Amino acid sequence: METLVAEIIAYHSKYITSLFVTGFTVGSFLFSMKAVIVKTLKEEVYDHDLYQDEVCQKIAMNEKIGFYDNLSNFSSLLMKAITWSFISAICQITLGFFGGIFVSLICLTVAVISWYYLGCAIYRVHKNWDSALIYAERVALINNDDRIKSHSKSPFE
């Protein structure tokens, strides 16, 4: 048991600077990109007539959904990832220097929580961009329907 405690403390001591820099960098990056990502998704997906028609259909079927619920949830998830990244960085730079098993466990646990939220945020960014591309594809098909039909005619007609 003593060797496990010693290894946890040694691990945390060895990587405290890296954990601080990672937490601060990820938090800063997400914070700077949050507004751009949310605004772009709002304009490219959530403000789109096709998406809003789908939401209207769901509301008509008595689903409890709002036009911007998914975007609001996504924005909240990004904010949690940002917050936990900064909390992790702050823990590393303040508590981390006190040492001891409990401090090391707290700092490492907070770092793992921040990585969890970061992973969730990355996944949701991926899913939202997939949605944006799907809606862009639908719009392109609708806008180019006449062109597609004209190219599909036989040259012998």
Protein backbone atom coordinates (compact mmCIF):
# COMPACT_ATOMS: atom_id res chain seq x y z
CA MET A 1 0.00 0.00 0.00
CA GLU A 2 2.84 2.38 0.82
CA THR A 3 4.39 1.81 -2.60
CA LEU A 4 1.10 2.69 -4.33
CA VAL A 5 0.83 5.89 -2.31
CA ALA A 6 4.45 6.74 -3.08
CA GLU A 7 3.90 6.08 -6.80
CA ILE A 8 0.79 8.27 -6.95
CA ILE A 9 2.64 11.11 -5.25
CA ALA A 10 5.68 10.63 -7.51
CA TYR A 11 3.49 10.53 -10.63
CA HIS A 12 1.70 13.71 -9.65
CA SER A 13 4.95 15.45 -8.73
CA LYS A 14 6.49 14.46 -12.06
CA TYR A 15 3.55 15.68 -14.19
CA ILE A 16 2.24 18.63 -12.16
CA THR A 17 3.61 21.20 -14.62
CA SER A 18 2.28 19.33 -17.63
CA LEU A 19 -1.14 18.97 -16.00
CA PHE A 20 -1.19 22.72 -15.27
CA VAL A 21 -0.17 23.69 -18.80
CA THR A 22 -2.62 21.24 -20.36
CA GLY A 23 -5.53 22.43 -18.24
CA PHE A 24 -4.77 26.08 -18.88
CA THR A 25 -4.16 25.62 -22.62
CA VAL A 26 -7.26 23.50 -23.25
CA GLY A 27 -9.43 25.83 -21.19
CA SER A 28 -8.11 28.90 -23.00
CA PHE A 29 -8.52 27.33 -26.42
CA LEU A 30 -12.08 26.16 -25.75
CA PHE A 31 -12.97 29.53 -24.25
CA SER A 32 -11.70 31.37 -27.32
CA MET A 33 -13.46 28.99 -29.72
CA LYS A 34 -16.77 28.58 -27.85
CA ALA A 35 -18.46 31.66 -29.28
CA VAL A 36 -17.32 30.91 -32.82
CA ILE A 37 -18.41 27.27 -32.68
CA VAL A 38 -21.81 28.03 -31.14
CA LYS A 39 -22.49 30.97 -33.49
CA THR A 40 -21.51 28.98 -36.57
CA LEU A 41 -23.64 26.00 -35.58
CA LYS A 42 -26.58 28.29 -34.84
CA GLU A 43 -26.37 29.84 -38.29
CA GLU A 44 -25.54 26.66 -40.22
CA VAL A 45 -27.94 24.23 -38.51
CA TYR A 46 -30.29 25.60 -35.89
CA ASP A 47 -31.49 28.67 -37.83
CA HIS A 48 -32.04 26.58 -40.94
CA ASP A 49 -35.61 26.06 -42.19
CA LEU A 50 -35.12 22.30 -42.57
CA TYR A 51 -34.02 21.92 -38.95
CA GLN A 52 -36.80 24.16 -37.68
CA ASP A 53 -39.36 22.17 -39.70
CA GLU A 54 -38.14 18.99 -38.01
CA VAL A 55 -38.47 20.63 -34.58
CA CYS A 56 -41.99 21.85 -35.45
CA GLN A 57 -42.93 18.27 -36.36
CA LYS A 58 -41.58 17.00 -33.05
CA ILE A 59 -43.41 19.73 -31.12
CA ALA A 60 -46.62 18.84 -32.97
CA MET A 61 -46.12 15.24 -31.77
CA ASN A 62 -46.00 16.56 -28.17
CA GLU A 63 -42.23 16.18 -27.76
CA LYS A 64 -40.75 18.52 -25.18
CA ILE A 65 -38.18 20.20 -27.38
CA GLY A 66 -37.19 23.77 -28.19
CA PHE A 67 -35.61 25.13 -31.32
CA TYR A 68 -32.29 25.77 -29.61
CA ASP A 69 -32.31 23.16 -26.81
CA ASN A 70 -29.56 21.04 -28.39
CA LEU A 71 -27.41 24.10 -29.03
CA SER A 72 -27.95 25.31 -25.47
CA ASN A 73 -26.98 21.88 -24.09
CA PHE A 74 -23.90 21.85 -26.32
CA SER A 75 -22.92 25.35 -25.16
CA SER A 76 -23.33 24.25 -21.53
CA LEU A 77 -21.14 21.20 -22.13
CA LEU A 78 -18.42 23.39 -23.64
CA MET A 79 -18.65 25.68 -20.62
CA LYS A 80 -18.28 22.69 -18.27
CA ALA A 81 -15.21 21.53 -20.20
CA ILE A 82 -13.73 25.03 -19.99
CA THR A 83 -14.50 25.38 -16.29
CA TRP A 84 -13.11 21.96 -15.33
CA SER A 85 -9.97 22.61 -17.40
CA PHE A 86 -9.32 25.84 -15.53
CA ILE A 87 -10.14 24.22 -12.17
CA SER A 88 -7.66 21.48 -12.99
CA ALA A 89 -4.97 24.02 -13.85
CA ILE A 90 -5.65 25.98 -10.67
CA CYS A 91 -5.53 22.82 -8.53
CA GLN A 92 -2.19 21.82 -10.03
CA ILE A 93 -0.61 25.20 -9.45
CA THR A 94 -1.98 25.75 -5.93
CA LEU A 95 -2.85 22.52 -4.12
CA GLY A 96 -0.31 20.51 -6.08
CA PHE A 97 2.64 22.06 -4.34
CA PHE A 98 1.47 20.98 -0.89
CA GLY A 99 2.12 17.33 -1.72
CA GLY A 100 0.72 14.29 0.01
CA ILE A 101 -1.54 11.51 -1.12
CA PHE A 102 -4.85 13.33 -0.65
CA VAL A 103 -3.70 16.41 -2.53
CA SER A 104 -2.31 14.25 -5.34
CA LEU A 105 -5.55 12.28 -5.55
CA ILE A 106 -7.64 15.47 -5.62
CA CYS A 107 -5.49 17.04 -8.33
CA LEU A 108 -5.43 13.90 -10.47
CA THR A 109 -9.18 13.37 -10.02
CA VAL A 110 -9.94 16.92 -11.11
CA ALA A 111 -7.66 16.44 -14.13
CA VAL A 112 -9.50 13.24 -15.09
CA ILE A 113 -12.87 14.99 -14.74
CA SER A 114 -11.66 17.78 -17.01
CA TRP A 115 -10.49 15.21 -19.58
CA TYR A 116 -13.88 13.52 -19.42
CA TYR A 117 -15.68 16.78 -20.21
CA LEU A 118 -13.14 17.55 -22.92
CA GLY A 119 -13.81 14.14 -24.50
CA CYS A 120 -17.56 14.71 -24.34
CA ALA A 121 -17.14 18.16 -25.89
CA ILE A 122 -14.99 16.81 -28.72
CA TYR A 123 -17.58 14.12 -29.41
CA ARG A 124 -20.42 16.67 -29.44
CA VAL A 125 -18.45 18.99 -31.74
CA HIS A 126 -18.05 16.06 -34.12
CA LYS A 127 -21.77 15.18 -33.97
CA ASN A 128 -22.82 18.82 -34.46
CA TRP A 129 -20.54 19.26 -37.47
CA ASP A 130 -21.96 16.06 -38.92
CA SER A 131 -25.42 17.62 -38.56
CA ALA A 132 -24.20 20.81 -40.22
CA LEU A 133 -22.90 18.82 -43.18
CA ILE A 134 -26.14 16.84 -43.45
CA TYR A 135 -28.18 20.05 -43.57
CA ALA A 136 -25.76 21.59 -46.07
CA GLU A 137 -26.13 18.51 -48.26
CA ARG A 138 -29.93 18.71 -48.07
CA VAL A 139 -29.87 22.40 -49.02
CA ALA A 140 -27.52 21.70 -51.92
CA LEU A 141 -29.85 18.97 -53.19
CA ILE A 142 -32.91 21.23 -52.92
CA ASN A 143 -31.15 24.19 -54.54
CA ASN A 144 -29.76 22.07 -57.37
CA ASP A 145 -32.78 19.86 -57.99
CA ASP A 146 -33.41 21.34 -61.45
CA ARG A 147 -29.76 20.94 -62.43
CA ILE A 148 -29.74 17.33 -61.28
CA LYS A 149 -32.89 16.58 -63.26
CA SER A 150 -31.49 18.26 -66.38
CA HIS A 151 -28.34 16.13 -66.20
CA SER A 152 -30.27 12.94 -65.66
CA LYS A 153 -32.24 13.27 -68.91
CA SER A 154 -31.26 11.02 -71.75
CA PRO A 155 -29.39 12.78 -74.56
CA PHE A 156 -31.79 11.08 -76.99
CA GLU A 157 -34.88 12.88 -75.71
